Amino acid sequence: MRPVRFALSLLLLASPALAGALSTEAQLRSQCLLHAADPKNPWGLAHGICAFGKSYAASDGRRAADVILNDFLQKGAATGATLPYSFARYAKDGTPVEPHTNLHVKTLVLAGLPLTTAFETRAAGKVTLGDLVKGVQRGFVHVPGNPAYWADVGWTLDLLAAVHTPGPSAVFTNGAGTAIDFNRVMEDALAELERAQADLLAALDAGQAEVPKRKQGLYAHPCGGLHLVQAVFHWARFPAVRKAWGKRLERQVAVLGWRLGSERRQYEAALQAAPTPYHRRLLVQMVKFYGHFLETYGRLRVEKTWKWSAADKQRVATARALLDDAVRKLQGLGAFERYDEVVRMDRQVALDLVGDSCHAVHGLDLTR
């Protein structure tokens, strides 16, 4: 697989015009493949792993997982409440390292690397993925009353949901000696989704078409809160959790589906109203939402949390078509073939174009 990727990379780099002529799915794949592979950008590498799996390679030929751990892991205190292993959020030049807490460990675990996988690191010597998971638990503090906590904790909860099962075994002790009942944590996470989406749930019940996005509730989270949604759905893959949550889980799936129509209308209205120079930024945000939506819906099925109904299948088909349309419009603006220009003009849009292309690739694969 790696020779094919390198061959594609060379072909696309040699011919930007060809990149613009790609099918939309191939365009997303090439964007993620080429621009997530920078060994100086661990955030990008993590997104490449999300899209292409645990064997994804950096452009220097090393396995992306090895680059992330060897080059960027930092070692902290080994005792007390301090996390013994960590990553900086950003490099000195502003490159994202781990802007979302525990993004990297979560990515590696969900990619299927065994906890026994060993890594050589510059800062901490030899560590296993299991050591890193234990470090996450040592540093975990549950503060359900803090909105900033909920906006950042989705990646951590997704990770811990992957390594625990419901019941007594889901209780662990952090570095401060506090017992953490992960069963309770995930109950709180479901309650937070209900609180943060109260206006959306009310609109769903009333048959209302949309609720304006004003950075309220879940819309104050990165990626529209869908990483927290994914974590809650991940925990609900267990039959005992699904039984306990019952209708509450059904309503969360329903409001996720409802969001597709609500947000589609608002994006399309904004695109029509905005001056042309703002179209690229809006279209990248559309790729972000539709890609994350497909990823979330795909995980529902793959993790066996939810069996798709005919209506669910139609929503997925609609989201795939909307993603296709947004990518075509970005191609028309030259956003992919003139990516270096995008980097110079608006670095955040350039980063989103890479990361969200990777999430979209993952979502397309999960919903195929």
Protein backbone atom coordinates (compact mmCIF):
# COMPACT_ATOMS: atom_id res chain seq x y z
CA MET A 1 0.00 0.00 0.00
CA ARG A 2 2.81 2.44 0.85
CA PRO A 3 4.41 2.34 -2.68
CA VAL A 4 1.00 3.14 -4.17
CA ARG A 5 0.64 6.12 -1.84
CA PHE A 6 4.08 7.45 -2.68
CA ALA A 7 3.42 7.00 -6.40
CA LEU A 8 0.16 8.91 -6.09
CA SER A 9 1.91 11.61 -4.09
CA LEU A 10 4.58 12.09 -6.76
CA LEU A 11 2.00 12.12 -9.54
CA LEU A 12 -0.12 14.76 -7.84
CA LEU A 13 2.83 16.92 -6.90
CA ALA A 14 4.03 16.80 -10.49
CA SER A 15 0.64 17.73 -11.90
CA PRO A 16 -1.53 20.14 -9.88
CA ALA A 17 -3.99 20.25 -12.76
CA LEU A 18 -4.58 16.53 -12.36
CA ALA A 19 -5.39 17.07 -8.68
CA GLY A 20 -8.16 19.45 -9.72
CA ALA A 21 -9.60 16.84 -12.10
CA LEU A 22 -9.90 14.10 -9.48
CA SER A 23 -13.24 12.72 -8.36
CA THR A 24 -14.31 14.33 -5.12
CA GLU A 25 -13.51 11.27 -3.01
CA ALA A 26 -10.11 10.86 -4.63
CA GLN A 27 -9.54 14.57 -4.05
CA LEU A 28 -10.19 14.20 -0.33
CA ARG A 29 -7.93 11.16 -0.16
CA SER A 30 -5.07 12.86 -1.97
CA GLN A 31 -5.43 15.99 0.17
CA CYS A 32 -5.19 13.96 3.38
CA LEU A 33 -2.51 11.65 2.02
CA LEU A 34 -0.22 14.44 0.84
CA HIS A 35 -0.68 17.18 3.40
CA ALA A 36 -1.25 15.21 6.63
CA ALA A 37 2.10 13.44 6.20
CA ASP A 38 4.39 16.27 7.35
CA PRO A 39 6.60 14.80 10.15
CA LYS A 40 6.74 18.26 11.74
CA ASN A 41 2.94 18.29 12.16
CA PRO A 42 1.80 15.55 14.57
CA TRP A 43 -1.79 16.81 14.46
CA GLY A 44 -1.81 16.19 10.73
CA LEU A 45 -0.23 12.76 11.18
CA ALA A 46 -2.96 11.78 13.64
CA HIS A 47 -5.58 12.73 11.08
CA GLY A 48 -3.77 10.66 8.47
CA ILE A 49 -3.96 7.68 10.82
CA CYS A 50 -7.68 8.36 11.31
CA ALA A 51 -8.22 8.22 7.55
CA PHE A 52 -5.80 5.52 6.43
CA GLY A 53 -5.18 3.40 9.51
CA LYS A 54 -2.39 2.50 11.89
CA SER A 55 0.19 1.88 9.14
CA TYR A 56 -0.07 5.39 7.69
CA ALA A 57 3.42 6.75 6.98
CA ALA A 58 4.90 10.22 7.31
CA SER A 59 6.56 11.73 4.27
CA ASP A 60 10.00 10.82 5.69
CA GLY A 61 9.08 7.12 5.48
CA ARG A 62 8.60 6.52 9.20
CA ARG A 63 5.33 5.17 10.56
CA ALA A 64 3.24 8.18 11.60
CA ALA A 65 2.57 6.71 15.05
CA ASP A 66 6.32 6.40 15.66
CA VAL A 67 6.92 10.01 14.61
CA ILE A 68 4.21 11.29 16.95
CA LEU A 69 5.56 9.39 19.96
CA ASN A 70 9.28 9.63 19.28
CA ASP A 71 9.43 13.29 18.30
CA PHE A 72 6.67 14.93 20.33
CA LEU A 73 5.93 13.01 23.55
CA GLN A 74 6.97 14.85 26.68
CA LYS A 75 7.60 13.27 30.07
CA GLY A 76 6.19 14.92 33.17
CA ALA A 77 6.21 14.01 36.85
CA ALA A 78 5.86 10.31 37.60
CA THR A 79 3.92 10.76 40.82
CA GLY A 80 0.96 12.73 42.10
CA ALA A 81 -1.85 14.10 39.99
CA THR A 82 0.40 15.29 37.16
CA LEU A 83 0.07 13.45 33.87
CA PRO A 84 3.36 11.52 33.45
CA TYR A 85 3.22 11.70 29.65
CA SER A 86 1.88 14.61 27.66
CA PHE A 87 2.10 16.64 24.47
CA ALA A 88 2.32 20.38 24.01
CA ARG A 89 -0.83 21.87 22.53
CA TYR A 90 1.07 23.92 19.93
CA ALA A 91 4.66 24.22 18.76
CA LYS A 92 6.45 27.56 19.02
CA ASP A 93 5.64 28.34 15.39
CA GLY A 94 1.93 27.70 15.97
CA THR A 95 1.82 24.22 14.44
CA PRO A 96 -0.80 22.16 16.31
CA VAL A 97 0.75 19.32 18.30
CA GLU A 98 -2.19 18.14 20.40
CA PRO A 99 -4.80 20.94 20.55
CA HIS A 100 -7.38 18.47 21.93
CA THR A 101 -6.36 16.63 25.10
CA ASN A 102 -5.41 12.98 24.47
CA LEU A 103 -6.11 13.18 20.74
CA HIS A 104 -3.01 11.11 19.96
CA VAL A 105 -3.50 8.22 22.37
CA LYS A 106 -7.17 8.06 21.40
CA THR A 107 -6.27 7.96 17.71
CA LEU A 108 -3.75 5.15 18.16
CA VAL A 109 -6.06 3.03 20.31
CA LEU A 110 -9.04 3.46 17.98
CA ALA A 111 -6.81 2.67 15.00
CA GLY A 112 -6.36 -0.78 16.48
CA LEU A 113 -2.81 -0.70 17.82
CA PRO A 114 -2.50 -3.20 20.71
CA LEU A 115 -1.83 -1.70 24.14
CA THR A 116 1.39 -3.74 24.19
CA THR A 117 2.77 -1.76 21.22
CA ALA A 118 6.12 -0.29 22.27
CA PHE A 119 7.54 3.04 21.12
CA GLU A 120 10.99 4.53 21.45
CA THR A 121 10.71 8.16 22.53
CA ARG A 122 13.31 10.87 22.88
CA ALA A 123 11.91 12.27 26.12
CA ALA A 124 10.67 9.21 27.98
CA GLY A 125 12.61 6.25 26.60
CA LYS A 126 10.65 3.13 25.76
CA VAL A 127 6.92 3.29 26.51
CA THR A 128 3.98 1.16 25.51
CA LEU A 129 0.58 2.34 24.38
CA GLY A 130 -0.74 0.80 27.60
CA ASP A 131 1.63 3.03 29.60
CA LEU A 132 0.16 6.03 27.85
CA VAL A 133 -3.39 4.93 28.63
CA LYS A 134 -2.44 4.54 32.28
CA GLY A 135 -0.98 8.04 32.12
CA VAL A 136 -4.28 9.38 30.79
CA GLN A 137 -6.11 7.77 33.71
CA ARG A 138 -3.58 9.16 36.18
CA GLY A 139 -4.20 12.67 34.91
CA PHE A 140 -7.99 12.40 34.50
CA VAL A 141 -10.14 14.72 36.60
CA HIS A 142 -13.91 14.80 36.12
CA VAL A 143 -15.38 18.31 36.39
CA PRO A 144 -18.91 18.05 34.94
CA GLY A 145 -19.91 21.57 35.95
CA ASN A 146 -17.24 23.20 33.79
CA PRO A 147 -18.25 24.02 30.17
CA ALA A 148 -14.60 24.19 29.07
CA TYR A 149 -14.12 20.63 30.35
CA TRP A 150 -16.92 19.31 28.14
CA ALA A 151 -15.63 21.16 25.09
CA ASP A 152 -12.26 19.38 25.38
CA VAL A 153 -12.99 16.01 26.97
CA GLY A 154 -14.59 14.18 24.03
CA TRP A 155 -11.32 12.67 22.79
CA THR A 156 -10.42 11.45 26.29
CA LEU A 157 -13.84 9.88 26.87
CA ASP A 158 -13.68 8.17 23.46
CA LEU A 159 -10.34 6.66 24.44
CA LEU A 160 -11.47 5.50 27.87
CA ALA A 161 -14.70 4.09 26.41
CA ALA A 162 -12.50 1.94 24.16
CA VAL A 163 -10.45 0.42 27.00
CA HIS A 164 -13.17 -0.06 29.66
CA THR A 165 -16.34 -2.11 29.92
CA PRO A 166 -19.39 -1.17 32.01
CA GLY A 167 -19.47 -2.29 35.61
CA PRO A 168 -17.03 -2.44 38.53
CA SER A 169 -13.99 -2.79 36.26
CA ALA A 170 -14.64 0.71 34.88
CA VAL A 171 -13.56 2.29 38.18
CA PHE A 172 -9.95 3.50 38.36
CA THR A 173 -7.90 5.79 40.61
CA ASN A 174 -6.22 8.91 39.25
CA GLY A 175 -2.88 10.34 40.35
CA ALA A 176 -4.48 12.39 43.11
CA GLY A 177 -5.92 9.23 44.66
CA THR A 178 -9.48 10.00 43.58
CA ALA A 179 -11.63 7.07 42.48
CA ILE A 180 -13.09 7.70 39.03
CA ASP A 181 -16.26 5.76 38.23
CA PHE A 182 -16.28 5.83 34.45
CA ASN A 183 -19.84 4.49 34.43
CA ARG A 184 -20.88 7.70 36.20
CA VAL A 185 -18.70 9.84 33.96
CA MET A 186 -20.52 8.58 30.87
CA GLU A 187 -23.91 9.07 32.51
CA ASP A 188 -22.86 12.67 33.05
CA ALA A 189 -21.71 12.88 29.42
CA LEU A 190 -25.13 11.80 28.17
CA ALA A 191 -26.78 14.33 30.48
CA GLU A 192 -24.44 17.02 29.14
CA LEU A 193 -25.47 16.22 25.56
CA GLU A 194 -29.11 16.57 26.61
CA ARG A 195 -28.40 19.90 28.31
CA ALA A 196 -26.20 21.28 25.53
CA GLN A 197 -28.73 20.32 22.86
CA ALA A 198 -31.89 21.28 24.72
CA ASP A 199 -32.84 23.84 22.07
CA LEU A 200 -32.20 21.34 19.28
CA LEU A 201 -34.22 18.62 21.00
CA ALA A 202 -37.09 21.06 21.55
CA ALA A 203 -37.00 22.00 17.85
CA LEU A 204 -36.97 18.32 16.90
CA ASP A 205 -40.04 17.67 19.06
CA ALA A 206 -41.85 20.71 17.65
CA GLY A 207 -41.15 19.81 14.03
CA GLN A 208 -39.07 22.95 13.62
CA ALA A 209 -36.75 22.96 10.59
CA GLU A 210 -33.69 24.56 12.14
CA VAL A 211 -32.10 26.29 15.10
CA PRO A 212 -29.60 29.06 14.30
CA LYS A 213 -26.00 28.29 15.19
CA ARG A 214 -24.73 31.01 17.51
CA LYS A 215 -21.97 29.13 19.34
CA GLN A 216 -24.51 28.08 21.95
CA GLY A 217 -24.51 24.74 23.74
CA LEU A 218 -22.85 22.02 21.71
CA TYR A 219 -22.06 24.53 18.96
CA ALA A 220 -19.50 26.09 21.32
CA HIS A 221 -17.43 22.89 21.01
CA PRO A 222 -14.84 22.18 18.32
CA CYS A 223 -16.30 20.31 15.34
CA GLY A 224 -19.83 21.06 16.49
CA GLY A 225 -19.45 18.79 19.53
CA LEU A 226 -19.44 15.66 17.40
CA HIS A 227 -16.38 14.21 19.15
CA LEU A 228 -18.31 14.22 22.44
CA VAL A 229 -21.27 12.66 20.61
CA GLN A 230 -18.98 9.96 19.21
CA ALA A 231 -17.63 9.18 22.68
CA VAL A 232 -21.13 8.78 24.15
CA PHE A 233 -22.22 6.58 21.23
CA HIS A 234 -19.02 4.54 21.62
CA TRP A 235 -19.89 3.72 25.24
CA ALA A 236 -23.41 2.79 24.13
CA ARG A 237 -22.04 -0.07 22.01
CA PHE A 238 -22.51 -2.23 25.10
CA PRO A 239 -26.00 -3.77 25.34
CA ALA A 240 -26.23 -3.00 29.07
CA VAL A 241 -25.66 0.70 28.39
CA ARG A 242 -28.16 0.77 25.53
CA LYS A 243 -30.75 -0.88 27.74
CA ALA A 244 -30.14 1.55 30.59
CA TRP A 245 -30.28 4.61 28.34
CA GLY A 246 -33.21 3.44 26.22
CA LYS A 247 -35.17 6.35 24.73
CA ARG A 248 -32.49 8.81 25.77
CA LEU A 249 -30.07 7.19 23.32
CA GLU A 250 -32.75 7.10 20.61
CA ARG A 251 -33.27 10.84 20.98
CA GLN A 252 -29.54 11.49 20.62
CA VAL A 253 -29.47 9.56 17.34
CA ALA A 254 -32.62 11.39 16.22
CA VAL A 255 -31.21 14.84 16.96
CA LEU A 256 -28.00 13.96 15.14
CA GLY A 257 -30.05 13.12 12.06
CA TRP A 258 -32.11 16.29 12.48
CA ARG A 259 -28.95 18.41 12.54
CA LEU A 260 -28.20 17.45 8.95
CA GLY A 261 -31.20 19.38 7.65
CA SER A 262 -30.83 22.27 10.08
CA GLU A 263 -27.18 22.90 9.34
CA ARG A 264 -27.52 22.28 5.62
CA ARG A 265 -30.06 25.11 5.33
CA GLN A 266 -27.88 27.50 7.26
CA TYR A 267 -24.71 26.71 5.34
CA GLU A 268 -26.46 27.08 1.99
CA ALA A 269 -28.07 30.37 3.01
CA ALA A 270 -24.72 31.69 4.24
CA LEU A 271 -23.04 30.64 1.01
CA GLN A 272 -25.61 32.50 -1.06
CA ALA A 273 -25.32 35.65 1.06
CA ALA A 274 -21.55 35.77 1.50
CA PRO A 275 -19.19 37.62 -0.86
CA THR A 276 -17.13 35.28 -3.04
CA PRO A 277 -13.88 35.69 -1.02
CA TYR A 278 -15.61 34.03 1.97
CA HIS A 279 -16.88 31.01 0.01
CA ARG A 280 -13.76 28.93 0.54
CA ARG A 281 -13.96 29.25 4.32
CA LEU A 282 -17.67 28.37 4.33
CA LEU A 283 -17.17 25.38 2.05
CA VAL A 284 -14.37 24.03 4.25
CA GLN A 285 -16.75 24.29 7.23
CA MET A 286 -19.31 22.33 5.22
CA VAL A 287 -16.72 19.61 4.57
CA LYS A 288 -16.01 19.61 8.32
CA PHE A 289 -19.65 19.08 9.27
CA TYR A 290 -20.61 16.58 6.56
CA GLY A 291 -17.41 14.60 7.08
CA HIS A 292 -17.83 14.44 10.85
CA PHE A 293 -21.54 13.64 10.42
CA LEU A 294 -20.71 10.66 8.19
CA GLU A 295 -17.96 9.54 10.56
CA THR A 296 -20.36 9.65 13.51
CA TYR A 297 -23.13 7.82 11.66
CA GLY A 298 -20.66 5.27 10.34
CA ARG A 299 -19.30 4.55 13.80
CA LEU A 300 -22.85 4.02 15.06
CA ARG A 301 -23.18 1.11 12.67
CA VAL A 302 -19.63 -0.28 12.75
CA GLU A 303 -19.47 -0.26 16.56
CA LYS A 304 -22.94 -1.88 16.61
CA THR A 305 -24.42 0.87 18.74
CA TRP A 306 -27.26 1.41 16.29
CA LYS A 307 -28.82 -0.50 13.40
CA TRP A 308 -29.52 1.85 10.54
CA SER A 309 -33.14 2.29 9.54
CA ALA A 310 -34.26 3.22 6.03
CA ALA A 311 -34.40 6.85 7.19
CA ASP A 312 -30.84 6.62 8.53
CA LYS A 313 -29.63 5.24 5.19
CA GLN A 314 -31.30 8.15 3.41
CA ARG A 315 -29.63 10.66 5.72
CA VAL A 316 -26.26 9.06 5.02
CA ALA A 317 -26.88 9.18 1.26
CA THR A 318 -27.86 12.84 1.55
CA ALA A 319 -24.78 13.71 3.59
CA ARG A 320 -22.53 11.97 1.08
CA ALA A 321 -24.12 13.97 -1.75
CA LEU A 322 -23.75 17.23 0.19
CA LEU A 323 -20.10 16.45 0.90
CA ASP A 324 -19.56 15.73 -2.79
CA ASP A 325 -21.11 19.07 -3.73
CA ALA A 326 -19.00 21.03 -1.24
CA VAL A 327 -15.80 19.40 -2.50
CA ARG A 328 -16.73 20.14 -6.13
CA LYS A 329 -17.23 23.79 -5.26
CA LEU A 330 -13.85 23.88 -3.49
CA GLN A 331 -12.28 22.33 -6.57
CA GLY A 332 -13.90 25.07 -8.63
CA LEU A 333 -12.22 27.65 -6.40
CA GLY A 334 -8.84 25.94 -6.82
CA ALA A 335 -8.56 25.31 -3.08
CA PHE A 336 -6.85 21.94 -3.50
CA GLU A 337 -4.53 22.58 -6.44
CA ARG A 338 -3.44 25.94 -4.98
CA TYR A 339 -3.10 24.66 -1.43
CA ASP A 340 0.19 26.49 -0.80
CA GLU A 341 -1.61 29.74 -1.54
CA VAL A 342 -4.32 28.83 0.99
CA VAL A 343 -1.59 28.21 3.59
CA ARG A 344 -0.19 31.70 3.03
CA MET A 345 -3.57 33.43 3.05
CA ASP A 346 -5.32 31.65 5.94
CA ARG A 347 -3.42 28.99 7.83
CA GLN A 348 -6.42 27.86 9.87
CA VAL A 349 -8.47 27.22 6.74
CA ALA A 350 -5.50 25.28 5.32
CA LEU A 351 -5.29 23.14 8.47
CA ASP A 352 -9.04 22.51 8.37
CA LEU A 353 -8.82 21.55 4.72
CA VAL A 354 -6.36 18.80 5.67
CA GLY A 355 -7.89 17.58 8.93
CA ASP A 356 -11.45 17.68 7.69
CA SER A 357 -10.52 15.94 4.44
CA CYS A 358 -9.15 13.11 6.60
CA HIS A 359 -12.33 12.93 8.70
CA ALA A 360 -14.39 12.95 5.51
CA VAL A 361 -12.35 10.06 4.07
CA HIS A 362 -12.95 8.12 7.28
CA GLY A 363 -16.66 8.94 7.18
CA LEU A 364 -16.96 7.86 3.55
CA ASP A 365 -15.23 4.56 4.30
CA LEU A 366 -17.40 3.86 7.35
CA THR A 367 -20.64 4.58 5.47
CA ARG A 368 -19.82 2.84 2.23
